[in-house]
Amino acid sequence: MDIIDYFKKKFYYLKKYYLNKYYLKKKFYKIRVLGISNLFKCFYYRLYYRLKLKVLAYKSGLTLHPWHIKFNIYCNPYKWRVIEVANSLNPNSVIEIGCGLGEIISRVKAQYRVGIDIDKSCIYFANKLNKGPIYIEGSFDSVLALQVKEIDLLIMVGFIHRISKDTLSFHINQILDSKTCKYIITDRYREDYPEQVIVHDLSEYNKRIKLINVYDDYEGYMYIMLWRVDNNDS
């Protein structure tokens, strides 16, 4: 990429995310939610992660997408919202698919915690930065291979809007056919979100799944969806 292409890309990003009225409004909303203290933490941990991960990456020979640094848990209140909802359920066993660096699963209070991610770099860095849970490189199929039979909570946030309805339906039903799952947490972009995303209604994929609550994500972009699985519904 030459210097002209570089600045074209930067200008496109600036115009799309910083000069756009929709994103400006949401950013101010997020700043109000974060407050001064958490805003300071946001920038502090961006710097901390950048330095820490650079050292870990050098030692391991792995690379990590910059998204994980920029949008760490102190910069993304929606992750705290997911943690709040998860802990309100008092789960014993929790599995998070798409766990990233383990920022959510490591803060859920449960005896049995497993974080799964398709990116081996995320799994490596999660084990270094957010110790506690079991981390596995994999995807939906990895849940089927786990010895645990009962899952109190299954978390899937931050990625399902990129997965087709048929694909997610297939994997959800596979998991529910092999495991006893009580609750599922997902996220869904709001109706005014300007970009094209896939909206999932889990109740359409399996009649045992019921939506029981919808939460604000503390950022104004998404809803946090809490689903219950009725294992007595045949």
C-alpha atoms as a PDB file:
ATOM      1  CA  MET A   1       0.000   0.000   0.000  1.00  0.00           C
ATOM      2  CA  ASP A   2       1.509   3.324  -1.048  1.00  0.00           C
ATOM      3  CA  ILE A   3       1.189   6.583   0.891  1.00  0.00           C
ATOM      4  CA  ILE A   4      -1.767   7.827  -1.193  1.00  0.00           C
ATOM      5  CA  ASP A   5      -3.783   4.649  -0.611  1.00  0.00           C
ATOM      6  CA  TYR A   6      -2.922   4.830   3.089  1.00  0.00           C
ATOM      7  CA  PHE A   7      -4.336   8.334   3.483  1.00  0.00           C
ATOM      8  CA  LYS A   8      -7.360   7.476   1.337  1.00  0.00           C
ATOM      9  CA  LYS A   9      -8.150   4.643   3.705  1.00  0.00           C
ATOM     10  CA  LYS A  10      -7.638   6.871   6.747  1.00  0.00           C
ATOM     11  CA  PHE A  11      -9.873   9.582   5.294  1.00  0.00           C
ATOM     12  CA  TYR A  12     -12.593   7.060   4.493  1.00  0.00           C
ATOM     13  CA  TYR A  13     -12.469   5.759   8.063  1.00  0.00           C
ATOM     14  CA  LEU A  14     -12.515   9.307   9.476  1.00  0.00           C
ATOM     15  CA  LYS A  15     -15.471  10.314   7.312  1.00  0.00           C
ATOM     16  CA  LYS A  16     -17.424   7.155   8.070  1.00  0.00           C
ATOM     17  CA  TYR A  17     -16.944   6.896  11.824  1.00  0.00           C
ATOM     18  CA  TYR A  18     -16.022  10.374  13.070  1.00  0.00           C
ATOM     19  CA  LEU A  19     -17.814  12.804  10.771  1.00  0.00           C
ATOM     20  CA  ASN A  20     -21.014  10.775  10.571  1.00  0.00           C
ATOM     21  CA  LYS A  21     -23.879  12.195  12.681  1.00  0.00           C
ATOM     22  CA  TYR A  22     -25.047   8.752  13.787  1.00  0.00           C
ATOM     23  CA  TYR A  23     -21.651   7.660  15.089  1.00  0.00           C
ATOM     24  CA  LEU A  24     -20.926  11.062  16.636  1.00  0.00           C
ATOM     25  CA  LYS A  25     -24.172  10.864  18.601  1.00  0.00           C
ATOM     26  CA  LYS A  26     -23.365   7.365  19.824  1.00  0.00           C
ATOM     27  CA  LYS A  27     -19.812   8.306  20.766  1.00  0.00           C
ATOM     28  CA  PHE A  28     -21.042  11.196  22.943  1.00  0.00           C
ATOM     29  CA  TYR A  29     -23.558   8.834  24.539  1.00  0.00           C
ATOM     30  CA  LYS A  30     -20.787   6.336  25.295  1.00  0.00           C
ATOM     31  CA  ILE A  31     -18.598   9.076  26.794  1.00  0.00           C
ATOM     32  CA  ARG A  32     -21.420  10.120  29.115  1.00  0.00           C
ATOM     33  CA  VAL A  33     -21.877   6.515  30.212  1.00  0.00           C
ATOM     34  CA  LEU A  34     -18.159   5.954  30.744  1.00  0.00           C
ATOM     35  CA  GLY A  35     -17.606   9.079  32.800  1.00  0.00           C
ATOM     36  CA  ILE A  36     -14.247  10.717  33.440  1.00  0.00           C
ATOM     37  CA  SER A  37     -12.794   7.864  35.512  1.00  0.00           C
ATOM     38  CA  ASN A  38     -13.589   5.096  33.026  1.00  0.00           C
ATOM     39  CA  LEU A  39     -12.629   7.302  30.096  1.00  0.00           C
ATOM     40  CA  PHE A  40      -9.173   7.620  31.652  1.00  0.00           C
ATOM     41  CA  LYS A  41      -9.080   3.822  32.104  1.00  0.00           C
ATOM     42  CA  CYS A  42     -10.070   3.402  28.465  1.00  0.00           C
ATOM     43  CA  PHE A  43      -7.046   5.309  27.164  1.00  0.00           C
ATOM     44  CA  TYR A  44      -4.736   3.922  29.849  1.00  0.00           C
ATOM     45  CA  TYR A  45      -5.559   0.323  28.939  1.00  0.00           C
ATOM     46  CA  ARG A  46      -5.266   1.067  25.236  1.00  0.00           C
ATOM     47  CA  LEU A  47      -1.682   2.092  25.912  1.00  0.00           C
ATOM     48  CA  TYR A  48      -1.131  -0.759  28.390  1.00  0.00           C
ATOM     49  CA  TYR A  49      -2.490  -3.411  26.020  1.00  0.00           C
ATOM     50  CA  ARG A  50      -0.538  -1.970  23.108  1.00  0.00           C
ATOM     51  CA  LEU A  51       2.726  -2.277  25.032  1.00  0.00           C
ATOM     52  CA  LYS A  52       1.892  -5.551  26.789  1.00  0.00           C
ATOM     53  CA  LEU A  53       0.644  -7.258  23.653  1.00  0.00           C
ATOM     54  CA  LYS A  54       3.605  -6.019  21.635  1.00  0.00           C
ATOM     55  CA  VAL A  55       5.938  -7.794  24.065  1.00  0.00           C
ATOM     56  CA  LEU A  56       3.803 -10.962  24.100  1.00  0.00           C
ATOM     57  CA  ALA A  57       3.506 -10.911  20.323  1.00  0.00           C
ATOM     58  CA  TYR A  58       7.268 -10.594  19.950  1.00  0.00           C
ATOM     59  CA  LYS A  59       7.866 -13.544  22.281  1.00  0.00           C
ATOM     60  CA  SER A  60       5.205 -15.752  20.709  1.00  0.00           C
ATOM     61  CA  GLY A  61       5.517 -14.757  17.081  1.00  0.00           C
ATOM     62  CA  LEU A  62       1.754 -14.178  16.962  1.00  0.00           C
ATOM     63  CA  THR A  63      -0.150 -11.090  15.848  1.00  0.00           C
ATOM     64  CA  LEU A  64      -3.429  -9.646  17.103  1.00  0.00           C
ATOM     65  CA  HIS A  65      -6.006  -7.478  15.358  1.00  0.00           C
ATOM     66  CA  PRO A  66      -5.804  -3.843  16.604  1.00  0.00           C
ATOM     67  CA  TRP A  67      -9.555  -3.955  17.328  1.00  0.00           C
ATOM     68  CA  HIS A  68      -8.863  -5.861  20.548  1.00  0.00           C
ATOM     69  CA  ILE A  69      -6.619  -3.044  21.771  1.00  0.00           C
ATOM     70  CA  LYS A  70      -8.785  -0.109  20.742  1.00  0.00           C
ATOM     71  CA  PHE A  71     -12.027  -1.647  21.965  1.00  0.00           C
ATOM     72  CA  ASN A  72     -10.847  -3.151  25.227  1.00  0.00           C
ATOM     73  CA  ILE A  73     -13.352  -3.695  28.019  1.00  0.00           C
ATOM     74  CA  TYR A  74     -12.759  -0.238  29.532  1.00  0.00           C
ATOM     75  CA  CYS A  75     -13.652   1.396  26.209  1.00  0.00           C
ATOM     76  CA  ASN A  76     -16.698  -0.779  25.518  1.00  0.00           C
ATOM     77  CA  PRO A  77     -19.393  -0.555  28.200  1.00  0.00           C
ATOM     78  CA  TYR A  78     -21.476  -3.220  26.452  1.00  0.00           C
ATOM     79  CA  LYS A  79     -19.040  -5.847  27.749  1.00  0.00           C
ATOM     80  CA  TRP A  80     -19.763  -4.773  31.332  1.00  0.00           C
ATOM     81  CA  ARG A  81     -23.487  -4.993  30.566  1.00  0.00           C
ATOM     82  CA  VAL A  82     -23.080  -8.585  29.405  1.00  0.00           C
ATOM     83  CA  ILE A  83     -21.126  -9.378  32.575  1.00  0.00           C
ATOM     84  CA  GLU A  84     -23.859  -7.809  34.739  1.00  0.00           C
ATOM     85  CA  VAL A  85     -26.587  -9.824  33.055  1.00  0.00           C
ATOM     86  CA  ALA A  86     -24.528 -13.020  33.243  1.00  0.00           C
ATOM     87  CA  ASN A  87     -23.748 -12.643  36.944  1.00  0.00           C
ATOM     88  CA  SER A  88     -27.390 -11.845  37.759  1.00  0.00           C
ATOM     89  CA  LEU A  89     -28.214 -15.419  36.734  1.00  0.00           C
ATOM     90  CA  ASN A  90     -25.778 -16.921  39.292  1.00  0.00           C
ATOM     91  CA  PRO A  91     -24.561 -19.547  36.826  1.00  0.00           C
ATOM     92  CA  ASN A  92     -22.418 -22.515  37.739  1.00  0.00           C
ATOM     93  CA  SER A  93     -21.255 -23.319  34.213  1.00  0.00           C
ATOM     94  CA  VAL A  94     -20.691 -20.692  31.498  1.00  0.00           C
ATOM     95  CA  ILE A  95     -19.387 -21.028  27.958  1.00  0.00           C
ATOM     96  CA  GLU A  96     -18.570 -18.043  25.751  1.00  0.00           C
ATOM     97  CA  ILE A  97     -18.201 -18.556  22.014  1.00  0.00           C
ATOM     98  CA  GLY A  98     -16.139 -15.781  20.420  1.00  0.00           C
ATOM     99  CA  CYS A  99     -14.431 -14.905  23.696  1.00  0.00           C
ATOM    100  CA  GLY A 100     -11.655 -12.774  22.180  1.00  0.00           C
ATOM    101  CA  LEU A 101      -9.158 -11.928  24.914  1.00  0.00           C
ATOM    102  CA  GLY A 102     -11.442 -13.367  27.607  1.00  0.00           C
ATOM    103  CA  GLU A 103     -12.482  -9.999  29.012  1.00  0.00           C
ATOM    104  CA  ILE A 104     -16.095 -11.092  29.561  1.00  0.00           C
ATOM    105  CA  ILE A 105     -15.808 -14.768  30.510  1.00  0.00           C
ATOM    106  CA  SER A 106     -13.007 -14.071  33.014  1.00  0.00           C
ATOM    107  CA  ARG A 107     -15.285 -11.669  34.915  1.00  0.00           C
ATOM    108  CA  VAL A 108     -18.326 -13.927  35.064  1.00  0.00           C
ATOM    109  CA  LYS A 109     -18.609 -15.532  38.488  1.00  0.00           C
ATOM    110  CA  ALA A 110     -18.999 -19.241  37.848  1.00  0.00           C
ATOM    111  CA  GLN A 111     -17.245 -22.420  38.914  1.00  0.00           C
ATOM    112  CA  TYR A 112     -16.870 -23.736  35.367  1.00  0.00           C
ATOM    113  CA  ARG A 113     -15.921 -21.238  32.643  1.00  0.00           C
ATOM    114  CA  VAL A 114     -14.842 -21.923  29.096  1.00  0.00           C
ATOM    115  CA  GLY A 115     -13.898 -19.333  26.475  1.00  0.00           C
ATOM    116  CA  ILE A 116     -13.819 -20.410  22.830  1.00  0.00           C
ATOM    117  CA  ASP A 117     -12.418 -18.433  19.911  1.00  0.00           C
ATOM    118  CA  ILE A 118     -11.484 -19.306  16.354  1.00  0.00           C
ATOM    119  CA  ASP A 119      -8.373 -17.085  16.515  1.00  0.00           C
ATOM    120  CA  LYS A 120      -5.427 -18.888  18.104  1.00  0.00           C
ATOM    121  CA  SER A 121      -3.783 -15.534  18.866  1.00  0.00           C
ATOM    122  CA  CYS A 122      -6.779 -14.512  20.980  1.00  0.00           C
ATOM    123  CA  ILE A 123      -6.581 -17.779  22.903  1.00  0.00           C
ATOM    124  CA  TYR A 124      -2.873 -17.313  23.581  1.00  0.00           C
ATOM    125  CA  PHE A 125      -3.277 -13.708  24.755  1.00  0.00           C
ATOM    126  CA  ALA A 126      -6.394 -14.554  26.801  1.00  0.00           C
ATOM    127  CA  ASN A 127      -4.377 -17.091  28.773  1.00  0.00           C
ATOM    128  CA  LYS A 128      -1.794 -14.384  29.479  1.00  0.00           C
ATOM    129  CA  LEU A 129      -4.095 -11.432  30.222  1.00  0.00           C
ATOM    130  CA  ASN A 130      -7.286 -12.892  31.706  1.00  0.00           C
ATOM    131  CA  LYS A 131      -6.415 -16.069  33.524  1.00  0.00           C
ATOM    132  CA  GLY A 132      -9.012 -18.274  35.171  1.00  0.00           C
ATOM    133  CA  PRO A 133     -11.264 -19.780  32.508  1.00  0.00           C
ATOM    134  CA  ILE A 134     -10.348 -22.658  30.214  1.00  0.00           C
ATOM    135  CA  TYR A 135      -9.593 -21.266  26.757  1.00  0.00           C
ATOM    136  CA  ILE A 136     -10.038 -23.341  23.613  1.00  0.00           C
ATOM    137  CA  GLU A 137      -9.244 -22.567  20.001  1.00  0.00           C
ATOM    138  CA  GLY A 138     -12.354 -23.472  18.035  1.00  0.00           C
ATOM    139  CA  SER A 139     -15.942 -22.535  17.292  1.00  0.00           C
ATOM    140  CA  PHE A 140     -19.455 -23.905  17.820  1.00  0.00           C
ATOM    141  CA  ASP A 141     -18.318 -27.497  17.316  1.00  0.00           C
ATOM    142  CA  SER A 142     -15.968 -27.153  20.280  1.00  0.00           C
ATOM    143  CA  VAL A 143     -18.965 -26.932  22.624  1.00  0.00           C
ATOM    144  CA  LEU A 144     -20.073 -30.405  21.527  1.00  0.00           C
ATOM    145  CA  ALA A 145     -16.680 -31.870  22.456  1.00  0.00           C
ATOM    146  CA  LEU A 146     -16.787 -30.573  26.038  1.00  0.00           C
ATOM    147  CA  GLN A 147     -17.449 -33.143  28.754  1.00  0.00           C
ATOM    148  CA  VAL A 148     -19.890 -30.891  30.582  1.00  0.00           C
ATOM    149  CA  LYS A 149     -23.505 -31.870  29.877  1.00  0.00           C
ATOM    150  CA  GLU A 150     -25.317 -28.978  31.529  1.00  0.00           C
ATOM    151  CA  ILE A 151     -24.619 -25.388  30.483  1.00  0.00           C
ATOM    152  CA  ASP A 152     -26.193 -22.749  32.709  1.00  0.00           C
ATOM    153  CA  LEU A 153     -25.283 -19.947  30.323  1.00  0.00           C
ATOM    154  CA  LEU A 154     -24.082 -19.726  26.734  1.00  0.00           C
ATOM    155  CA  ILE A 155     -22.726 -16.317  25.665  1.00  0.00           C
ATOM    156  CA  MET A 156     -22.452 -15.294  22.000  1.00  0.00           C
ATOM    157  CA  VAL A 157     -21.837 -11.577  21.515  1.00  0.00           C
ATOM    158  CA  GLY A 158     -19.894  -9.395  19.121  1.00  0.00           C
ATOM    159  CA  PHE A 159     -19.914 -11.675  16.082  1.00  0.00           C
ATOM    160  CA  ILE A 160     -23.231 -13.368  15.278  1.00  0.00           C
ATOM    161  CA  HIS A 161     -24.409 -10.393  13.200  1.00  0.00           C
ATOM    162  CA  ARG A 162     -21.954 -11.627  10.561  1.00  0.00           C
ATOM    163  CA  ILE A 163     -23.280 -15.212  10.546  1.00  0.00           C
ATOM    164  CA  SER A 164     -26.143 -16.318   8.317  1.00  0.00           C
ATOM    165  CA  LYS A 165     -29.434 -17.375   9.891  1.00  0.00           C
ATOM    166  CA  ASP A 166     -29.149 -20.913   8.532  1.00  0.00           C
ATOM    167  CA  THR A 167     -25.635 -21.317   9.906  1.00  0.00           C
ATOM    168  CA  LEU A 168     -26.451 -20.037  13.390  1.00  0.00           C
ATOM    169  CA  SER A 169     -29.684 -22.046  13.493  1.00  0.00           C
ATOM    170  CA  PHE A 170     -27.771 -25.215  12.612  1.00  0.00           C
ATOM    171  CA  HIS A 171     -25.174 -24.725  15.342  1.00  0.00           C
ATOM    172  CA  ILE A 172     -27.693 -23.661  18.001  1.00  0.00           C
ATOM    173  CA  ASN A 173     -29.763 -26.786  17.405  1.00  0.00           C
ATOM    174  CA  GLN A 174     -26.673 -28.973  17.439  1.00  0.00           C
ATOM    175  CA  ILE A 175     -25.728 -27.624  20.855  1.00  0.00           C
ATOM    176  CA  LEU A 176     -29.248 -27.915  22.287  1.00  0.00           C
ATOM    177  CA  ASP A 177     -29.553 -31.472  21.005  1.00  0.00           C
ATOM    178  CA  SER A 178     -26.362 -32.551  22.773  1.00  0.00           C
ATOM    179  CA  LYS A 179     -26.335 -30.331  25.878  1.00  0.00           C
ATOM    180  CA  THR A 180     -28.841 -29.081  28.442  1.00  0.00           C
ATOM    181  CA  CYS A 181     -28.652 -25.296  28.235  1.00  0.00           C
ATOM    182  CA  LYS A 182     -30.594 -22.941  30.537  1.00  0.00           C
ATOM    183  CA  TYR A 183     -29.842 -19.430  29.268  1.00  0.00           C
ATOM    184  CA  ILE A 184     -28.313 -17.772  26.220  1.00  0.00           C
ATOM    185  CA  ILE A 185     -27.044 -14.195  25.902  1.00  0.00           C
ATOM    186  CA  THR A 186     -26.718 -12.623  22.458  1.00  0.00           C
ATOM    187  CA  ASP A 187     -26.576  -9.077  21.100  1.00  0.00           C
ATOM    188  CA  ARG A 188     -28.520  -7.405  18.306  1.00  0.00           C
ATOM    189  CA  TYR A 189     -27.953  -4.093  16.558  1.00  0.00           C
ATOM    190  CA  ARG A 190     -30.719  -1.525  16.963  1.00  0.00           C
ATOM    191  CA  GLU A 191     -33.144  -0.709  14.179  1.00  0.00           C
ATOM    192  CA  ASP A 192     -31.446   2.637  13.420  1.00  0.00           C
ATOM    193  CA  TYR A 193     -28.016   1.090  12.863  1.00  0.00           C
ATOM    194  CA  PRO A 194     -26.897   2.413   9.451  1.00  0.00           C
ATOM    195  CA  GLU A 195     -24.971  -0.628   8.237  1.00  0.00           C
ATOM    196  CA  GLN A 196     -26.343  -3.914   6.978  1.00  0.00           C
ATOM    197  CA  VAL A 197     -26.169  -6.645   9.596  1.00  0.00           C
ATOM    198  CA  ILE A 198     -27.922  -9.955  10.178  1.00  0.00           C
ATOM    199  CA  VAL A 199     -30.575  -9.871  12.907  1.00  0.00           C
ATOM    200  CA  HIS A 200     -31.171 -13.147  14.719  1.00  0.00           C
ATOM    201  CA  ASP A 201     -34.303 -14.224  16.554  1.00  0.00           C
ATOM    202  CA  LEU A 202     -33.314 -17.427  18.354  1.00  0.00           C
ATOM    203  CA  SER A 203     -36.945 -18.301  19.016  1.00  0.00           C
ATOM    204  CA  GLU A 204     -37.319 -18.840  15.256  1.00  0.00           C
ATOM    205  CA  TYR A 205     -34.550 -21.440  15.310  1.00  0.00           C
ATOM    206  CA  ASN A 206     -35.852 -23.576  18.158  1.00  0.00           C
ATOM    207  CA  LYS A 207     -39.266 -23.432  19.822  1.00  0.00           C
ATOM    208  CA  ARG A 208     -37.721 -24.133  23.230  1.00  0.00           C
ATOM    209  CA  ILE A 209     -35.917 -20.773  23.182  1.00  0.00           C
ATOM    210  CA  LYS A 210     -37.880 -17.862  24.664  1.00  0.00           C
ATOM    211  CA  LEU A 211     -36.826 -14.207  24.871  1.00  0.00           C
ATOM    212  CA  ILE A 212     -37.197 -13.112  28.491  1.00  0.00           C
ATOM    213  CA  ASN A 213     -35.450  -9.734  28.633  1.00  0.00           C
ATOM    214  CA  VAL A 214     -33.815  -7.027  26.529  1.00  0.00           C
ATOM    215  CA  TYR A 215     -31.173  -4.700  27.985  1.00  0.00           C
ATOM    216  CA  ASP A 216     -29.586  -1.457  26.848  1.00  0.00           C
ATOM    217  CA  ASP A 217     -25.951  -1.983  25.900  1.00  0.00           C
ATOM    218  CA  TYR A 218     -24.712   1.270  27.542  1.00  0.00           C
ATOM    219  CA  GLU A 219     -23.505   2.420  24.113  1.00  0.00           C
ATOM    220  CA  GLY A 220     -26.664   2.981  22.074  1.00  0.00           C
ATOM    221  CA  TYR A 221     -25.685   0.621  19.261  1.00  0.00           C
ATOM    222  CA  MET A 222     -27.170  -2.688  20.348  1.00  0.00           C
ATOM    223  CA  TYR A 223     -29.516  -4.545  22.626  1.00  0.00           C
ATOM    224  CA  ILE A 224     -28.316  -7.296  24.922  1.00  0.00           C
ATOM    225  CA  MET A 225     -30.769 -10.180  24.562  1.00  0.00           C
ATOM    226  CA  LEU A 226     -31.409 -12.745  27.304  1.00  0.00           C
ATOM    227  CA  TRP A 227     -33.017 -16.004  26.211  1.00  0.00           C
ATOM    228  CA  ARG A 228     -34.233 -18.955  28.296  1.00  0.00           C
ATOM    229  CA  VAL A 229     -34.293 -22.496  27.009  1.00  0.00           C
ATOM    230  CA  ASP A 230     -37.346 -24.455  28.122  1.00  0.00           C
ATOM    231  CA  ASN A 231     -35.956 -27.977  28.322  1.00  0.00           C
ATOM    232  CA  ASN A 232     -39.380 -29.360  29.260  1.00  0.00           C
ATOM    233  CA  ASP A 233     -40.920 -28.150  25.999  1.00  0.00           C
ATOM    234  CA  SER A 234     -41.011 -31.021  23.596  1.00  0.00           C
END
